[in-house]
């Protein structure tokens, strides 16, 4: 099984989530690659069995500015031929009210529209990874693995 973890992180919180996922996949002896979204071609996701996106929400409830090109490329990529399992985790600050942690839903909708299959329940946390949120990320990774194995 090959898993790609992509992240966009301005404060290090989304990167922290990505690292927790990476450690869990490595613990399970899964071939895992981690990279920044802005440096990844959407077409390259087809080389993996599963993709986990770790993101933050930008001002106004939008995706991170540095991921806009990647996001548009996802829209133009067809993942329906070879099943691509995906999951999205997000970090945010409740200070932003209605705009709190909305980027995960935007990425999820985009991937679904491109034919990818959501294989894990979205995890949204406040700020950085903590002892309380660690089990949520482990369960997320387990769900992705199970979804790939069921194909």
N, C-alpha and C. Protein backbone atom coordinates (compact mmCIF):
# COMPACT_ATOMS: atom_id res chain seq x y z
N UNK A 1 0.85 -1.18 0.00
CA UNK A 1 0.00 0.00 0.00
C UNK A 1 0.89 1.24 0.00
N UNK A 2 0.52 2.20 -0.86
CA UNK A 2 1.26 3.46 -0.94
C UNK A 2 0.34 4.60 -0.53
N UNK A 3 0.79 5.39 0.44
CA UNK A 3 0.01 6.51 0.95
C UNK A 3 0.80 7.80 0.76
N UNK A 4 0.11 8.82 0.29
CA UNK A 4 0.70 10.15 0.14
C UNK A 4 0.02 11.08 1.14
N UNK A 5 0.82 11.78 1.92
CA UNK A 5 0.31 12.80 2.83
C UNK A 5 0.73 14.15 2.27
N UNK A 6 -0.24 14.98 1.98
CA UNK A 6 0.03 16.33 1.49
C UNK A 6 -0.43 17.33 2.54
N UNK A 7 0.34 18.38 2.70
CA UNK A 7 -0.03 19.37 3.71
C UNK A 7 0.22 20.78 3.22
N UNK A 8 -0.50 21.70 3.83
CA UNK A 8 -0.28 23.14 3.69
C UNK A 8 -0.30 23.67 5.11
N UNK A 9 0.77 24.34 5.50
CA UNK A 9 0.89 24.76 6.89
C UNK A 9 1.60 26.10 6.98
N UNK A 10 0.97 27.03 7.64
CA UNK A 10 1.58 28.35 7.81
C UNK A 10 2.14 28.51 9.24
N UNK A 11 1.50 27.86 10.20
CA UNK A 11 1.93 27.98 11.60
C UNK A 11 2.63 26.72 12.10
N UNK A 12 2.57 25.66 11.31
CA UNK A 12 3.14 24.38 11.73
C UNK A 12 2.10 23.41 12.26
N UNK A 13 0.86 23.87 12.47
CA UNK A 13 -0.17 23.00 13.03
C UNK A 13 -0.59 21.90 12.06
N UNK A 14 -0.82 22.24 10.79
CA UNK A 14 -1.19 21.22 9.80
C UNK A 14 -0.01 20.28 9.54
N UNK A 15 1.19 20.82 9.55
CA UNK A 15 2.38 19.98 9.40
C UNK A 15 2.47 18.99 10.56
N UNK A 16 2.14 19.43 11.76
CA UNK A 16 2.13 18.54 12.93
C UNK A 16 1.13 17.41 12.75
N UNK A 17 -0.03 17.71 12.19
CA UNK A 17 -1.02 16.67 11.92
C UNK A 17 -0.47 15.67 10.90
N UNK A 18 0.16 16.20 9.86
CA UNK A 18 0.74 15.35 8.82
C UNK A 18 1.82 14.43 9.39
N UNK A 19 2.61 14.96 10.29
CA UNK A 19 3.68 14.15 10.90
C UNK A 19 3.12 13.02 11.77
N UNK A 20 2.05 13.29 12.48
CA UNK A 20 1.42 12.24 13.28
C UNK A 20 0.92 11.13 12.36
N UNK A 21 0.27 11.51 11.27
CA UNK A 21 -0.21 10.51 10.30
C UNK A 21 0.97 9.72 9.72
N UNK A 22 2.02 10.44 9.36
CA UNK A 22 3.20 9.77 8.80
C UNK A 22 3.76 8.74 9.78
N UNK A 23 3.88 9.11 11.04
CA UNK A 23 4.41 8.19 12.04
C UNK A 23 3.52 6.95 12.19
N UNK A 24 2.21 7.15 12.14
CA UNK A 24 1.32 6.00 12.28
C UNK A 24 1.45 5.07 11.07
N UNK A 25 1.46 5.63 9.87
CA UNK A 25 1.59 4.78 8.68
C UNK A 25 2.93 4.04 8.69
N UNK A 26 3.98 4.71 9.09
CA UNK A 26 5.29 4.04 9.18
C UNK A 26 5.26 2.93 10.23
N UNK A 27 4.60 3.18 11.34
CA UNK A 27 4.44 2.17 12.39
C UNK A 27 3.76 0.92 11.83
N UNK A 28 2.82 1.13 10.92
CA UNK A 28 2.10 0.02 10.28
C UNK A 28 2.84 -0.54 9.06
N UNK A 29 4.08 -0.11 8.86
CA UNK A 29 4.92 -0.56 7.74
C UNK A 29 4.29 -0.28 6.37
N UNK A 30 3.67 0.86 6.26
CA UNK A 30 3.06 1.29 5.00
C UNK A 30 4.02 2.25 4.32
N UNK A 31 4.14 2.10 3.00
CA UNK A 31 4.98 2.98 2.19
C UNK A 31 4.32 4.36 2.16
N UNK A 32 4.92 5.32 2.84
CA UNK A 32 4.31 6.65 2.97
C UNK A 32 5.27 7.72 2.47
N UNK A 33 4.70 8.69 1.76
CA UNK A 33 5.44 9.84 1.26
C UNK A 33 4.74 11.08 1.79
N UNK A 34 5.51 12.09 2.19
CA UNK A 34 4.92 13.33 2.67
C UNK A 34 5.48 14.48 1.84
N UNK A 35 4.59 15.40 1.43
CA UNK A 35 5.02 16.53 0.61
C UNK A 35 4.06 17.71 0.82
N UNK A 36 4.49 18.88 0.37
CA UNK A 36 3.64 20.07 0.43
C UNK A 36 2.70 20.07 -0.77
N UNK A 37 1.47 20.48 -0.56
CA UNK A 37 0.50 20.53 -1.65
C UNK A 37 0.98 21.40 -2.80
N UNK A 38 1.53 22.56 -2.46
CA UNK A 38 1.91 23.51 -3.51
C UNK A 38 3.04 23.00 -4.39
N UNK A 39 3.74 21.97 -3.98
CA UNK A 39 4.83 21.42 -4.77
C UNK A 39 4.48 20.07 -5.37
N UNK A 40 3.17 19.77 -5.44
CA UNK A 40 2.71 18.46 -5.90
C UNK A 40 1.75 18.62 -7.07
N UNK A 41 1.96 17.85 -8.11
CA UNK A 41 1.05 17.84 -9.25
C UNK A 41 -0.13 16.93 -8.91
N UNK A 42 -1.33 17.40 -9.16
CA UNK A 42 -2.53 16.62 -8.84
C UNK A 42 -2.51 15.27 -9.55
N UNK A 43 -2.00 15.22 -10.75
CA UNK A 43 -1.94 13.98 -11.52
C UNK A 43 -1.12 12.91 -10.80
N UNK A 44 -0.13 13.34 -10.01
CA UNK A 44 0.74 12.37 -9.32
C UNK A 44 0.01 11.60 -8.22
N UNK A 45 -1.15 12.07 -7.80
CA UNK A 45 -1.91 11.36 -6.78
C UNK A 45 -2.35 9.98 -7.27
N UNK A 46 -2.44 9.82 -8.58
CA UNK A 46 -2.85 8.54 -9.16
C UNK A 46 -1.85 7.42 -8.90
N UNK A 47 -0.65 7.78 -8.48
CA UNK A 47 0.40 6.78 -8.20
C UNK A 47 0.22 6.14 -6.82
N UNK A 48 -0.75 6.62 -6.04
CA UNK A 48 -0.93 6.17 -4.66
C UNK A 48 -2.28 5.48 -4.49
N UNK A 49 -2.35 4.67 -3.45
CA UNK A 49 -3.61 4.01 -3.10
C UNK A 49 -4.50 4.91 -2.25
N UNK A 50 -3.86 5.77 -1.46
CA UNK A 50 -4.60 6.69 -0.59
C UNK A 50 -3.83 7.99 -0.45
N UNK A 51 -4.61 9.06 -0.25
CA UNK A 51 -4.03 10.38 -0.04
C UNK A 51 -4.69 10.99 1.19
N UNK A 52 -3.88 11.54 2.07
CA UNK A 52 -4.37 12.27 3.23
C UNK A 52 -3.94 13.73 3.07
N UNK A 53 -4.88 14.63 3.13
CA UNK A 53 -4.57 16.06 3.04
C UNK A 53 -4.68 16.68 4.43
N UNK A 54 -3.68 17.44 4.80
CA UNK A 54 -3.69 18.19 6.07
C UNK A 54 -3.63 19.67 5.71
N UNK A 55 -4.63 20.41 6.13
CA UNK A 55 -4.74 21.80 5.71
C UNK A 55 -5.17 22.70 6.87
N UNK A 56 -5.04 23.97 6.64
CA UNK A 56 -5.61 24.97 7.54
C UNK A 56 -6.58 25.78 6.70
N UNK A 57 -7.40 26.59 7.34
CA UNK A 57 -8.35 27.44 6.64
C UNK A 57 -7.84 28.87 6.66
N UNK A 58 -7.83 29.48 5.49
CA UNK A 58 -7.35 30.84 5.33
C UNK A 58 -8.47 31.82 5.68
N UNK A 59 -8.12 33.06 5.85
CA UNK A 59 -9.06 34.12 6.17
C UNK A 59 -10.25 34.08 5.22
N UNK A 60 -11.44 34.23 5.78
CA UNK A 60 -12.65 34.22 4.96
C UNK A 60 -13.18 32.83 4.68
N UNK A 61 -12.60 31.82 5.33
CA UNK A 61 -13.08 30.45 5.16
C UNK A 61 -12.65 29.79 3.87
N UNK A 62 -11.53 30.23 3.32
CA UNK A 62 -11.06 29.69 2.04
C UNK A 62 -9.90 28.72 2.24
N UNK A 63 -9.55 28.05 1.15
CA UNK A 63 -8.38 27.19 1.19
C UNK A 63 -7.13 28.06 1.31
N UNK A 64 -6.02 27.50 1.77
CA UNK A 64 -4.79 28.29 1.86
C UNK A 64 -4.39 28.84 0.48
N UNK A 65 -3.97 30.06 0.48
CA UNK A 65 -3.60 30.74 -0.77
C UNK A 65 -2.58 29.95 -1.59
N UNK A 66 -1.62 29.34 -0.91
CA UNK A 66 -0.56 28.62 -1.62
C UNK A 66 -1.04 27.31 -2.24
N UNK A 67 -2.28 26.90 -1.94
CA UNK A 67 -2.80 25.65 -2.51
C UNK A 67 -3.76 25.88 -3.67
N UNK A 68 -3.99 27.12 -4.06
CA UNK A 68 -4.99 27.42 -5.08
C UNK A 68 -4.71 26.71 -6.41
N UNK A 69 -3.46 26.72 -6.88
CA UNK A 69 -3.14 26.04 -8.14
C UNK A 69 -3.38 24.54 -8.02
N UNK A 70 -2.94 23.95 -6.92
CA UNK A 70 -3.15 22.53 -6.68
C UNK A 70 -4.66 22.21 -6.67
N UNK A 71 -5.43 23.05 -5.99
CA UNK A 71 -6.88 22.87 -5.89
C UNK A 71 -7.52 22.89 -7.28
N UNK A 72 -7.12 23.83 -8.11
CA UNK A 72 -7.65 23.91 -9.48
C UNK A 72 -7.25 22.69 -10.30
N UNK A 73 -6.01 22.23 -10.12
CA UNK A 73 -5.55 21.04 -10.83
C UNK A 73 -6.35 19.80 -10.40
N UNK A 74 -6.70 19.72 -9.12
CA UNK A 74 -7.54 18.61 -8.65
C UNK A 74 -8.87 18.59 -9.40
N UNK A 75 -9.42 19.77 -9.63
CA UNK A 75 -10.70 19.88 -10.33
C UNK A 75 -10.62 19.32 -11.74
N UNK A 76 -9.46 19.40 -12.34
CA UNK A 76 -9.28 18.96 -13.73
C UNK A 76 -8.73 17.55 -13.84
N UNK A 77 -8.58 16.86 -12.74
CA UNK A 77 -8.02 15.51 -12.74
C UNK A 77 -9.12 14.50 -12.48
N UNK A 78 -9.14 13.43 -13.28
CA UNK A 78 -10.16 12.39 -13.14
C UNK A 78 -9.59 11.22 -12.34
N UNK A 79 -10.14 11.01 -11.16
CA UNK A 79 -9.69 9.92 -10.29
C UNK A 79 -10.65 8.73 -10.32
N UNK A 80 -11.59 8.71 -11.25
CA UNK A 80 -12.59 7.66 -11.27
C UNK A 80 -12.11 6.36 -11.92
N UNK A 81 -11.07 6.41 -12.73
CA UNK A 81 -10.60 5.20 -13.42
C UNK A 81 -9.92 4.22 -12.48
N UNK A 82 -9.00 4.70 -11.68
CA UNK A 82 -8.33 3.88 -10.67
C UNK A 82 -8.75 4.48 -9.33
N UNK A 83 -9.44 3.73 -8.53
CA UNK A 83 -9.95 4.30 -7.28
C UNK A 83 -8.85 4.94 -6.43
N UNK A 84 -9.09 6.17 -6.03
CA UNK A 84 -8.20 6.88 -5.12
C UNK A 84 -8.97 7.13 -3.84
N UNK A 85 -8.49 6.57 -2.76
CA UNK A 85 -9.08 6.77 -1.45
C UNK A 85 -8.44 8.02 -0.84
N UNK A 86 -9.24 8.88 -0.24
CA UNK A 86 -8.69 10.09 0.36
C UNK A 86 -9.35 10.38 1.70
N UNK A 87 -8.68 11.23 2.45
CA UNK A 87 -9.21 11.77 3.69
C UNK A 87 -8.60 13.14 3.92
N UNK A 88 -9.28 13.98 4.65
CA UNK A 88 -8.82 15.34 4.90
C UNK A 88 -8.86 15.63 6.39
N UNK A 89 -7.78 16.21 6.89
CA UNK A 89 -7.73 16.69 8.27
C UNK A 89 -7.47 18.19 8.22
N UNK A 90 -8.02 18.90 9.18
CA UNK A 90 -7.86 20.35 9.18
C UNK A 90 -7.64 20.91 10.56
N UNK A 91 -6.99 22.05 10.57
CA UNK A 91 -6.74 22.76 11.81
C UNK A 91 -7.20 24.20 11.63
N UNK A 92 -7.70 24.78 12.71
CA UNK A 92 -8.18 26.14 12.61
C UNK A 92 -8.32 26.79 13.97
N UNK A 93 -8.79 28.02 13.92
CA UNK A 93 -8.98 28.81 15.12
C UNK A 93 -10.46 29.20 15.22
N UNK A 94 -11.14 28.78 16.27
CA UNK A 94 -12.57 29.08 16.40
C UNK A 94 -12.88 30.58 16.43
N UNK A 95 -11.86 31.40 16.61
CA UNK A 95 -12.03 32.85 16.59
C UNK A 95 -12.75 33.29 15.31
N UNK A 96 -12.57 32.53 14.22
CA UNK A 96 -13.11 32.92 12.92
C UNK A 96 -14.58 32.56 12.73
N UNK A 97 -15.22 32.04 13.76
CA UNK A 97 -16.66 31.81 13.72
C UNK A 97 -17.10 30.89 12.59
N UNK A 98 -17.99 31.38 11.72
CA UNK A 98 -18.51 30.58 10.61
C UNK A 98 -17.41 30.07 9.68
N UNK A 99 -16.30 30.76 9.64
CA UNK A 99 -15.19 30.39 8.75
C UNK A 99 -14.23 29.41 9.40
N UNK A 100 -14.55 28.95 10.59
CA UNK A 100 -13.68 28.03 11.31
C UNK A 100 -13.56 26.70 10.59
N UNK A 101 -12.34 26.36 10.19
CA UNK A 101 -12.00 25.03 9.68
C UNK A 101 -12.89 24.58 8.51
N UNK A 102 -13.10 25.49 7.56
CA UNK A 102 -13.95 25.18 6.40
C UNK A 102 -13.17 24.61 5.21
N UNK A 103 -11.87 24.77 5.17
CA UNK A 103 -11.08 24.26 4.04
C UNK A 103 -11.20 22.75 3.85
N UNK A 104 -11.26 21.94 4.92
CA UNK A 104 -11.41 20.50 4.69
C UNK A 104 -12.65 20.15 3.85
N UNK A 105 -13.75 20.82 4.08
CA UNK A 105 -14.97 20.55 3.30
C UNK A 105 -14.78 20.94 1.84
N UNK A 106 -14.05 22.01 1.59
CA UNK A 106 -13.80 22.45 0.21
C UNK A 106 -12.93 21.43 -0.53
N UNK A 107 -11.88 20.93 0.13
CA UNK A 107 -11.04 19.91 -0.48
C UNK A 107 -11.82 18.61 -0.69
N UNK A 108 -12.63 18.23 0.28
CA UNK A 108 -13.43 17.01 0.17
C UNK A 108 -14.37 17.09 -1.03
N UNK A 109 -15.08 18.18 -1.16
CA UNK A 109 -16.02 18.34 -2.29
C UNK A 109 -15.28 18.28 -3.62
N UNK A 110 -14.11 18.90 -3.68
CA UNK A 110 -13.32 18.93 -4.91
C UNK A 110 -12.85 17.52 -5.29
N UNK A 111 -12.35 16.77 -4.33
CA UNK A 111 -11.88 15.41 -4.60
C UNK A 111 -13.04 14.49 -4.99
N UNK A 112 -14.16 14.60 -4.31
CA UNK A 112 -15.32 13.78 -4.66
C UNK A 112 -15.78 14.07 -6.09
N UNK A 113 -15.81 15.36 -6.45
CA UNK A 113 -16.24 15.75 -7.80
C UNK A 113 -15.28 15.21 -8.86
N UNK A 114 -14.05 14.94 -8.47
CA UNK A 114 -13.05 14.40 -9.40
C UNK A 114 -13.04 12.88 -9.44
N UNK A 115 -13.95 12.26 -8.71
CA UNK A 115 -14.08 10.81 -8.73
C UNK A 115 -13.33 10.07 -7.65
N UNK A 116 -12.68 10.78 -6.73
CA UNK A 116 -11.99 10.13 -5.62
C UNK A 116 -13.02 9.68 -4.58
N UNK A 117 -12.64 8.71 -3.77
CA UNK A 117 -13.54 8.12 -2.77
C UNK A 117 -13.08 8.51 -1.37
N UNK A 118 -13.98 9.14 -0.61
CA UNK A 118 -13.62 9.50 0.76
C UNK A 118 -13.56 8.23 1.60
N UNK A 119 -12.39 7.98 2.18
CA UNK A 119 -12.18 6.75 2.93
C UNK A 119 -12.02 6.95 4.42
N UNK A 120 -12.12 8.18 4.88
CA UNK A 120 -11.99 8.45 6.31
C UNK A 120 -12.83 9.67 6.67
N UNK A 121 -13.36 9.65 7.85
CA UNK A 121 -14.12 10.78 8.35
C UNK A 121 -13.19 11.96 8.57
N UNK A 122 -13.60 13.12 8.10
CA UNK A 122 -12.79 14.33 8.25
C UNK A 122 -12.55 14.64 9.73
N UNK A 123 -11.32 15.00 10.04
CA UNK A 123 -10.95 15.39 11.40
C UNK A 123 -10.62 16.87 11.39
N UNK A 124 -11.26 17.62 12.28
CA UNK A 124 -10.99 19.04 12.43
C UNK A 124 -10.57 19.28 13.88
N UNK A 125 -9.42 19.92 14.03
CA UNK A 125 -8.97 20.22 15.38
C UNK A 125 -8.72 21.71 15.52
N UNK A 126 -8.72 22.14 16.75
CA UNK A 126 -8.41 23.53 17.06
C UNK A 126 -6.91 23.64 17.30
N UNK A 127 -6.28 24.49 16.51
CA UNK A 127 -4.85 24.75 16.64
C UNK A 127 -4.02 23.49 16.37
N UNK A 128 -3.09 23.17 17.29
CA UNK A 128 -2.16 22.06 17.07
C UNK A 128 -2.60 20.75 17.68
N UNK A 129 -1.85 19.71 17.34
CA UNK A 129 -2.12 18.37 17.86
C UNK A 129 -1.88 18.36 19.37
N UNK A 130 -2.78 17.68 20.08
CA UNK A 130 -2.65 17.55 21.53
C UNK A 130 -2.89 16.10 21.91
N UNK A 131 -2.70 15.79 23.18
CA UNK A 131 -2.97 14.43 23.65
C UNK A 131 -4.43 14.03 23.39
N UNK A 132 -5.33 15.00 23.44
CA UNK A 132 -6.75 14.71 23.22
C UNK A 132 -7.08 14.46 21.75
N UNK A 133 -6.36 15.11 20.85
CA UNK A 133 -6.67 14.97 19.42
C UNK A 133 -5.88 13.85 18.74
N UNK A 134 -4.84 13.36 19.38
CA UNK A 134 -4.01 12.30 18.80
C UNK A 134 -4.85 11.06 18.42
N UNK A 135 -5.75 10.58 19.29
CA UNK A 135 -6.56 9.41 18.92
C UNK A 135 -7.44 9.65 17.68
N UNK A 136 -7.88 10.89 17.48
CA UNK A 136 -8.69 11.21 16.30
C UNK A 136 -7.88 10.98 15.02
N UNK A 137 -6.61 11.37 15.06
CA UNK A 137 -5.74 11.21 13.89
C UNK A 137 -5.40 9.75 13.65
N UNK A 138 -5.19 9.01 14.71
CA UNK A 138 -4.90 7.57 14.58
C UNK A 138 -6.11 6.86 13.99
N UNK A 139 -7.31 7.19 14.46
CA UNK A 139 -8.52 6.57 13.91
C UNK A 139 -8.71 6.95 12.45
N UNK A 140 -8.40 8.18 12.11
CA UNK A 140 -8.46 8.63 10.71
C UNK A 140 -7.55 7.76 9.84
N UNK A 141 -6.32 7.56 10.27
CA UNK A 141 -5.37 6.74 9.52
C UNK A 141 -5.87 5.30 9.40
N UNK A 142 -6.41 4.76 10.48
CA UNK A 142 -6.95 3.40 10.45
C UNK A 142 -8.09 3.29 9.44
N UNK A 143 -8.96 4.29 9.40
CA UNK A 143 -10.07 4.29 8.45
C UNK A 143 -9.55 4.29 7.00
N UNK A 144 -8.51 5.09 6.74
CA UNK A 144 -7.95 5.12 5.38
C UNK A 144 -7.41 3.74 4.99
N UNK A 145 -6.68 3.14 5.90
CA UNK A 145 -6.10 1.82 5.63
C UNK A 145 -7.20 0.80 5.36
N UNK A 146 -8.22 0.79 6.20
CA UNK A 146 -9.33 -0.14 6.03
C UNK A 146 -10.03 0.06 4.70
N UNK A 147 -10.24 1.32 4.31
CA UNK A 147 -10.91 1.62 3.05
C UNK A 147 -10.12 1.11 1.85
N UNK A 148 -8.81 1.26 1.90
CA UNK A 148 -7.96 0.76 0.81
C UNK A 148 -8.03 -0.76 0.77
N UNK A 149 -7.96 -1.39 1.92
CA UNK A 149 -7.96 -2.86 1.99
C UNK A 149 -9.28 -3.45 1.49
N UNK A 150 -10.37 -2.70 1.62
CA UNK A 150 -11.68 -3.20 1.18
C UNK A 150 -11.85 -3.14 -0.34
N UNK A 151 -11.02 -2.39 -1.03
CA UNK A 151 -11.16 -2.27 -2.50
C UNK A 151 -10.78 -3.55 -3.20
